[in-house]
């Protein structure tokens, strides 16, 4: 998530669940959330203002998305374009929606970068002049590539585990962009339940992955999913454990960690059952997080700047009970 040190007082939040260009153009200074509907792989979108959500619209149709998607990711670039990737077991595509709502053609990422095995998760993070993409494969690999925003050229896939000394297999990944110092923060969850954190600097070098559990002073259990957002100089991280617990910590700008906090202890209980995916972004009132349950229901909470949390809310209640979701992502759009 891009760091925005000064946020507008009034902003809208937008869900990419799929969307019209007119809806998107009205959603500047908001939070875009992308969901993939179960069964048909369609992306849909709604815009959330302080007064509520707009009607769902179909992003697959409005963007000309040429594939049925198993997952998607999005991120605003430094030209205020919304860059989106979507993927299924065989295909991986990318497009940009300009501030006027116009879409580029969808480009074939695999043709430009090289093909991976089936991807289970992808995340985008913006840096000055470029977009960085991380992908986790079902084989447990973690791969990284960079798109130059001026030329549109991509680098080849880099094997992240090879850069930073092993760990794995990987089951999930999150990233956050640190604009002041121009480095990328990456957290990954491995199949043994560990969670690890590393930095990628602007010269392309990486630090080793550090043990996030050890850094935070206790072990909440085996982790299954992770999300991150950069918020006013610090990085906020949410992670889930296999028992359905949700945990939060902050990595401060000096490299120290806050220690784990149990999210349900602040928000109240959440629907039981496993968690498919976590997402995070900075928002107008603090850091915003979504939890996609295996039921297909996305739940939303906000951690305010004073450390208080809102209760989890079923997002479908805002825009109607639609098909369940199999993928979710969000980004603050400035």
Protein backbone atom coordinates (compact mmCIF):
# COMPACT_ATOMS: atom_id res chain seq x y z
CA UNK A 1 0.00 0.00 0.00
CA UNK A 2 1.31 3.40 -0.95
CA UNK A 3 2.04 5.78 1.90
CA UNK A 4 0.01 9.01 1.86
CA UNK A 5 1.19 11.17 4.76
CA UNK A 6 -1.75 13.57 4.53
CA UNK A 7 -5.17 12.11 3.89
CA UNK A 8 -8.18 14.16 2.79
CA UNK A 9 -10.75 14.76 5.50
CA UNK A 10 -13.59 13.36 3.42
CA UNK A 11 -13.06 10.35 1.21
CA UNK A 12 -15.02 7.50 -0.27
CA UNK A 13 -14.23 3.83 -0.06
CA UNK A 14 -14.68 1.61 -3.08
CA UNK A 15 -15.09 -2.15 -3.28
CA UNK A 16 -13.84 -3.84 -6.45
CA UNK A 17 -16.10 -6.76 -6.26
CA UNK A 18 -16.31 -5.30 -10.64
CA UNK A 19 -17.06 -1.63 -11.95
CA UNK A 20 -18.11 0.93 -14.50
CA UNK A 21 -15.71 3.69 -15.52
CA UNK A 22 -18.21 6.30 -14.33
CA UNK A 23 -18.37 4.74 -10.89
CA UNK A 24 -14.61 4.56 -10.66
CA UNK A 25 -14.02 8.16 -11.72
CA UNK A 26 -16.24 9.28 -8.85
CA UNK A 27 -14.31 7.19 -6.34
CA UNK A 28 -11.06 9.14 -6.10
CA UNK A 29 -9.82 9.47 -2.53
CA UNK A 30 -11.39 6.16 -1.65
CA UNK A 31 -10.66 2.54 -0.91
CA UNK A 32 -11.02 0.10 -3.79
CA UNK A 33 -11.85 -3.49 -2.84
CA UNK A 34 -11.75 -6.22 -5.49
CA UNK A 35 -13.57 -9.47 -5.03
CA UNK A 36 -13.83 -12.50 -7.31
CA UNK A 37 -17.23 -14.18 -7.26
CA UNK A 38 -17.44 -17.92 -6.77
CA UNK A 39 -18.46 -20.10 -9.69
CA UNK A 40 -18.04 -17.64 -12.56
CA UNK A 41 -14.78 -15.80 -11.87
CA UNK A 42 -16.35 -12.36 -12.33
CA UNK A 43 -14.92 -9.21 -10.71
CA UNK A 44 -17.45 -6.72 -9.32
CA UNK A 45 -17.25 -3.29 -7.69
CA UNK A 46 -19.20 -0.95 -5.50
CA UNK A 47 -18.29 2.51 -4.20
CA UNK A 48 -18.58 3.22 -0.49
CA UNK A 49 -19.12 6.79 0.56
CA UNK A 50 -19.62 7.86 4.15
CA UNK A 51 -23.35 7.59 3.46
CA UNK A 52 -23.17 4.02 2.13
CA UNK A 53 -22.44 1.84 -0.87
CA UNK A 54 -23.47 2.18 -4.49
CA UNK A 55 -25.07 -0.62 -6.48
CA UNK A 56 -22.77 -3.41 -7.62
CA UNK A 57 -21.49 -3.22 -11.17
CA UNK A 58 -19.50 -5.68 -13.27
CA UNK A 59 -15.78 -5.01 -13.65
CA UNK A 60 -15.27 -7.98 -15.92
CA UNK A 61 -17.68 -6.48 -18.44
CA UNK A 62 -16.61 -2.83 -18.15
CA UNK A 63 -12.89 -3.60 -18.42
CA UNK A 64 -13.15 -6.28 -21.09
CA UNK A 65 -11.42 -8.80 -18.83
CA UNK A 66 -10.73 -11.73 -21.18
CA UNK A 67 -10.52 -14.50 -18.57
CA UNK A 68 -12.54 -15.99 -15.77
CA UNK A 69 -10.52 -15.19 -12.67
CA UNK A 70 -9.52 -17.22 -9.64
CA UNK A 71 -7.93 -14.15 -8.04
CA UNK A 72 -7.05 -10.51 -8.56
CA UNK A 73 -4.95 -7.72 -7.08
CA UNK A 74 -4.88 -3.95 -7.48
CA UNK A 75 -2.74 -0.95 -6.63
CA UNK A 76 -2.69 2.73 -7.50
CA UNK A 77 0.48 3.84 -9.29
CA UNK A 78 2.20 7.21 -9.02
CA UNK A 79 0.28 8.45 -12.09
CA UNK A 80 -2.99 7.78 -10.21
CA UNK A 81 -3.78 4.90 -12.51
CA UNK A 82 -5.34 1.82 -10.98
CA UNK A 83 -3.27 -1.20 -12.00
CA UNK A 84 -5.07 -4.54 -11.80
CA UNK A 85 -3.92 -8.12 -12.32
CA UNK A 86 -6.22 -11.11 -12.64
CA UNK A 87 -5.31 -14.77 -12.96
CA UNK A 88 -6.54 -18.32 -13.20
CA UNK A 89 -4.70 -21.64 -13.36
CA UNK A 90 -3.38 -21.00 -16.88
CA UNK A 91 -3.49 -17.23 -17.48
CA UNK A 92 -2.22 -14.03 -15.85
CA UNK A 93 -3.25 -10.63 -17.24
CA UNK A 94 -2.74 -6.94 -16.39
CA UNK A 95 -4.52 -3.68 -17.25
CA UNK A 96 -4.66 -0.06 -16.06
CA UNK A 97 -7.70 2.12 -15.49
CA UNK A 98 -6.96 5.85 -15.82
CA UNK A 99 -8.51 8.51 -13.60
CA UNK A 100 -11.02 9.25 -16.38
CA UNK A 101 -12.21 5.63 -16.23
CA UNK A 102 -10.58 4.50 -19.49
CA UNK A 103 -9.07 1.01 -19.53
CA UNK A 104 -5.99 -0.13 -21.39
CA UNK A 105 -6.16 -3.46 -23.18
CA UNK A 106 -5.41 -6.45 -20.95
CA UNK A 107 -1.83 -7.58 -21.44
CA UNK A 108 -0.50 -11.12 -21.06
CA UNK A 109 1.92 -11.08 -18.10
CA UNK A 110 3.13 -14.60 -18.75
CA UNK A 111 4.05 -13.70 -22.33
CA UNK A 112 6.13 -10.79 -21.01
CA UNK A 113 7.66 -12.38 -17.92
CA UNK A 114 7.50 -16.15 -18.29
CA UNK A 115 4.96 -18.67 -17.09
CA UNK A 116 4.58 -19.89 -13.52
CA UNK A 117 2.65 -22.84 -12.21
CA UNK A 118 -0.93 -22.15 -11.03
CA UNK A 119 -0.99 -19.07 -8.78
CA UNK A 120 -2.86 -19.05 -5.46
CA UNK A 121 -2.21 -15.42 -4.45
CA UNK A 122 -0.83 -12.23 -6.02
CA UNK A 123 -0.21 -8.78 -4.55
CA UNK A 124 0.86 -5.47 -6.11
CA UNK A 125 2.85 -2.71 -4.45
CA UNK A 126 3.76 0.65 -6.02
CA UNK A 127 7.16 2.28 -5.93
CA UNK A 128 8.24 5.47 -7.71
CA UNK A 129 8.00 4.84 -11.43
CA UNK A 130 7.22 1.16 -11.15
CA UNK A 131 4.80 -1.51 -9.96
CA UNK A 132 6.05 -4.55 -8.08
CA UNK A 133 4.20 -7.86 -8.29
CA UNK A 134 4.57 -10.85 -5.98
CA UNK A 135 2.97 -14.22 -6.73
CA UNK A 136 2.64 -17.38 -4.65
CA UNK A 137 2.23 -20.62 -6.59
CA UNK A 138 0.38 -23.72 -5.43
CA UNK A 139 3.77 -25.44 -5.51
CA UNK A 140 4.93 -23.20 -2.64
CA UNK A 141 7.09 -20.81 -4.64
CA UNK A 142 7.27 -17.05 -4.14
CA UNK A 143 8.17 -14.99 -7.20
CA UNK A 144 8.69 -11.28 -7.87
CA UNK A 145 8.70 -9.05 -10.96
CA UNK A 146 8.72 -5.30 -11.63
CA UNK A 147 6.81 -3.33 -14.27
CA UNK A 148 8.28 -0.02 -15.46
CA UNK A 149 5.36 2.43 -15.57
CA UNK A 150 6.90 4.51 -18.37
CA UNK A 151 7.93 1.80 -20.82
CA UNK A 152 5.49 -0.89 -19.72
CA UNK A 153 8.34 -3.42 -19.69
CA UNK A 154 8.50 -6.19 -17.08
CA UNK A 155 11.54 -7.85 -15.55
CA UNK A 156 11.72 -11.63 -15.50
CA UNK A 157 10.45 -13.52 -12.47
CA UNK A 158 12.85 -13.60 -9.55
CA UNK A 159 12.73 -16.47 -7.05
CA UNK A 160 12.36 -14.62 -3.73
CA UNK A 161 13.27 -17.58 -1.56
CA UNK A 162 16.53 -17.97 -3.47
CA UNK A 163 17.34 -14.29 -2.87
CA UNK A 164 16.79 -14.44 0.88
CA UNK A 165 17.92 -17.86 1.95
CA UNK A 166 15.17 -20.42 1.77
CA UNK A 167 12.14 -20.90 4.02
CA UNK A 168 9.00 -22.39 2.63
CA UNK A 169 7.00 -23.75 0.97
CA UNK A 170 5.08 -20.46 0.91
CA UNK A 171 1.28 -20.36 1.32
CA UNK A 172 0.59 -16.60 1.45
CA UNK A 173 2.26 -13.22 0.97
CA UNK A 174 1.62 -9.55 1.73
CA UNK A 175 3.54 -6.41 0.79
CA UNK A 176 3.71 -2.74 1.73
CA UNK A 177 5.55 0.12 0.01
CA UNK A 178 7.67 2.44 2.11
CA UNK A 179 7.79 5.60 0.04
CA UNK A 180 10.04 7.82 2.21
CA UNK A 181 12.86 5.27 2.21
CA UNK A 182 11.86 3.65 -1.12
CA UNK A 183 11.90 0.04 -0.09
CA UNK A 184 9.40 -2.78 -0.25
CA UNK A 185 8.31 -4.67 2.85
CA UNK A 186 7.27 -8.29 2.30
CA UNK A 187 5.75 -10.81 4.70
CA UNK A 188 5.18 -14.45 3.84
CA UNK A 189 3.50 -17.36 5.59
CA UNK A 190 5.13 -20.77 5.18
CA UNK A 191 3.50 -24.20 5.28
CA UNK A 192 4.88 -24.91 8.75
CA UNK A 193 2.81 -21.98 10.12
CA UNK A 194 5.70 -19.55 10.37
CA UNK A 195 5.53 -15.94 9.31
CA UNK A 196 8.56 -14.06 7.98
CA UNK A 197 9.45 -10.48 7.01
CA UNK A 198 12.05 -9.02 4.62
CA UNK A 199 12.91 -5.76 2.85
CA UNK A 200 13.69 -5.23 -0.83
CA UNK A 201 15.69 -2.07 -1.46
CA UNK A 202 15.51 0.16 -4.53
CA UNK A 203 18.79 -1.29 -5.85
CA UNK A 204 17.16 -4.75 -6.01
CA UNK A 205 18.90 -6.22 -2.98
CA UNK A 206 17.01 -8.09 -0.25
CA UNK A 207 17.49 -8.58 3.45
CA UNK A 208 17.13 -12.04 4.91
CA UNK A 209 13.68 -13.00 6.13
CA UNK A 210 13.30 -12.35 9.85
CA UNK A 211 11.04 -14.36 12.16
CA UNK A 212 7.96 -12.23 12.86
CA UNK A 213 6.76 -14.52 15.65
CA UNK A 214 10.04 -14.20 17.51
CA UNK A 215 10.14 -10.45 16.94
CA UNK A 216 6.73 -10.02 18.55
CA UNK A 217 7.45 -11.97 21.70
CA UNK A 218 4.81 -14.73 21.64
CA UNK A 219 3.48 -17.49 19.38
CA UNK A 220 -0.28 -17.22 18.71
CA UNK A 221 -0.30 -20.51 16.75
CA UNK A 222 0.18 -21.76 13.20
CA UNK A 223 -0.36 -18.91 10.76
CA UNK A 224 -2.30 -19.34 7.52
CA UNK A 225 -2.67 -15.87 5.92
CA UNK A 226 -1.15 -12.38 6.08
CA UNK A 227 -1.79 -8.81 4.91
CA UNK A 228 0.13 -5.55 5.32
CA UNK A 229 -0.32 -1.82 4.88
CA UNK A 230 2.00 1.15 5.24
CA UNK A 231 0.39 3.77 7.46
CA UNK A 232 2.04 7.10 8.28
CA UNK A 233 5.58 5.79 8.47
CA UNK A 234 4.80 2.48 10.18
CA UNK A 235 3.74 -0.88 8.76
CA UNK A 236 0.62 -2.58 10.09
CA UNK A 237 0.34 -6.35 9.68
CA UNK A 238 -2.67 -8.64 10.16
CA UNK A 239 -2.31 -12.41 10.17
CA UNK A 240 -4.67 -15.32 10.84
CA UNK A 241 -4.05 -18.65 12.55
CA UNK A 242 -5.54 -22.02 11.66
CA UNK A 243 -7.94 -21.86 14.62
CA UNK A 244 -9.58 -18.75 13.13
CA UNK A 245 -7.74 -16.28 15.34
CA UNK A 246 -6.80 -12.92 13.83
CA UNK A 247 -3.72 -11.10 15.08
CA UNK A 248 -2.31 -7.63 14.51
CA UNK A 249 1.06 -6.00 15.03
CA UNK A 250 2.95 -2.89 13.91
CA UNK A 251 6.51 -2.69 12.62
CA UNK A 252 7.70 0.79 13.47
CA UNK A 253 9.95 2.87 11.25
CA UNK A 254 12.96 2.08 13.48
CA UNK A 255 12.51 -1.66 12.81
CA UNK A 256 11.02 -2.56 16.20
CA UNK A 257 7.71 -4.42 16.54
CA UNK A 258 4.74 -3.65 18.77
CA UNK A 259 3.86 -7.22 19.78
CA UNK A 260 0.80 -9.28 18.87
CA UNK A 261 -2.70 -8.09 19.67
CA UNK A 262 -5.74 -10.39 19.34
CA UNK A 263 -8.10 -8.64 16.94
CA UNK A 264 -11.31 -10.36 18.04
CA UNK A 265 -10.59 -9.15 21.54
CA UNK A 266 -11.03 -5.62 20.18
CA UNK A 267 -13.68 -6.11 17.50
CA UNK A 268 -15.83 -8.77 19.15
CA UNK A 269 -16.41 -12.25 17.73
CA UNK A 270 -16.39 -13.08 14.05
CA UNK A 271 -18.08 -15.84 12.06
CA UNK A 272 -16.47 -19.19 12.85
CA UNK A 273 -14.62 -21.21 10.23
CA UNK A 274 -11.41 -20.87 8.32
CA UNK A 275 -10.05 -17.79 6.55
CA UNK A 276 -9.32 -17.67 2.82
CA UNK A 277 -7.66 -14.28 2.55
CA UNK A 278 -6.77 -11.08 4.42
CA UNK A 279 -6.43 -7.62 2.88
CA UNK A 280 -5.24 -4.30 4.29
CA UNK A 281 -4.93 -0.66 3.30
CA UNK A 282 -4.71 2.76 4.90
CA UNK A 283 -8.05 4.57 4.99
CA UNK A 284 -9.53 7.90 5.96
CA UNK A 285 -10.10 6.83 9.57
CA UNK A 286 -7.10 4.56 10.05
CA UNK A 287 -6.03 1.19 8.68
CA UNK A 288 -8.79 -0.85 7.03
CA UNK A 289 -8.76 -4.65 6.97
CA UNK A 290 -10.96 -7.26 5.32
CA UNK A 291 -11.22 -10.92 6.24
CA UNK A 292 -12.58 -13.30 3.58
CA UNK A 293 -13.95 -16.41 5.26
CA UNK A 294 -14.25 -19.85 3.64
CA UNK A 295 -18.00 -19.21 3.64
CA UNK A 296 -17.37 -16.62 0.92
CA UNK A 297 -18.37 -13.71 3.16
CA UNK A 298 -16.01 -10.71 3.37
CA UNK A 299 -15.88 -8.93 6.74
CA UNK A 300 -14.58 -5.39 7.26
CA UNK A 301 -13.04 -3.61 10.23
CA UNK A 302 -11.10 -0.39 10.78
CA UNK A 303 -8.29 0.19 13.26
CA UNK A 304 -8.45 3.86 14.15
CA UNK A 305 -5.34 5.93 14.70
CA UNK A 306 -5.97 5.87 18.46
CA UNK A 307 -5.75 2.05 18.45
CA UNK A 308 -9.47 1.34 18.78
CA UNK A 309 -11.24 -1.02 16.39
CA UNK A 310 -14.70 -1.10 14.85
CA UNK A 311 -16.75 -4.28 15.04
CA UNK A 312 -16.50 -6.56 12.01
CA UNK A 313 -19.25 -5.93 9.48
CA UNK A 314 -20.51 -8.30 6.78
CA UNK A 315 -19.79 -6.30 3.62
CA UNK A 316 -22.54 -8.04 1.67
CA UNK A 317 -25.07 -6.36 3.93
CA UNK A 318 -24.13 -3.02 2.36
CA UNK A 319 -24.70 -3.97 -1.27
CA UNK A 320 -26.98 -7.01 -1.15
CA UNK A 321 -26.45 -10.72 -0.70
CA UNK A 322 -24.65 -11.71 -3.90
CA UNK A 323 -22.70 -14.83 -4.83
CA UNK A 324 -19.99 -15.85 -2.40
CA UNK A 325 -16.43 -14.69 -3.01
CA UNK A 326 -13.24 -16.69 -3.55
CA UNK A 327 -10.79 -13.76 -3.72
CA UNK A 328 -10.44 -10.30 -2.22
CA UNK A 329 -8.12 -7.31 -2.34
CA UNK A 330 -8.24 -3.59 -1.58
CA UNK A 331 -6.28 -0.38 -1.96
CA UNK A 332 -6.64 3.24 -0.92
CA UNK A 333 -7.07 5.33 -4.06
CA UNK A 334 -5.67 8.80 -3.61
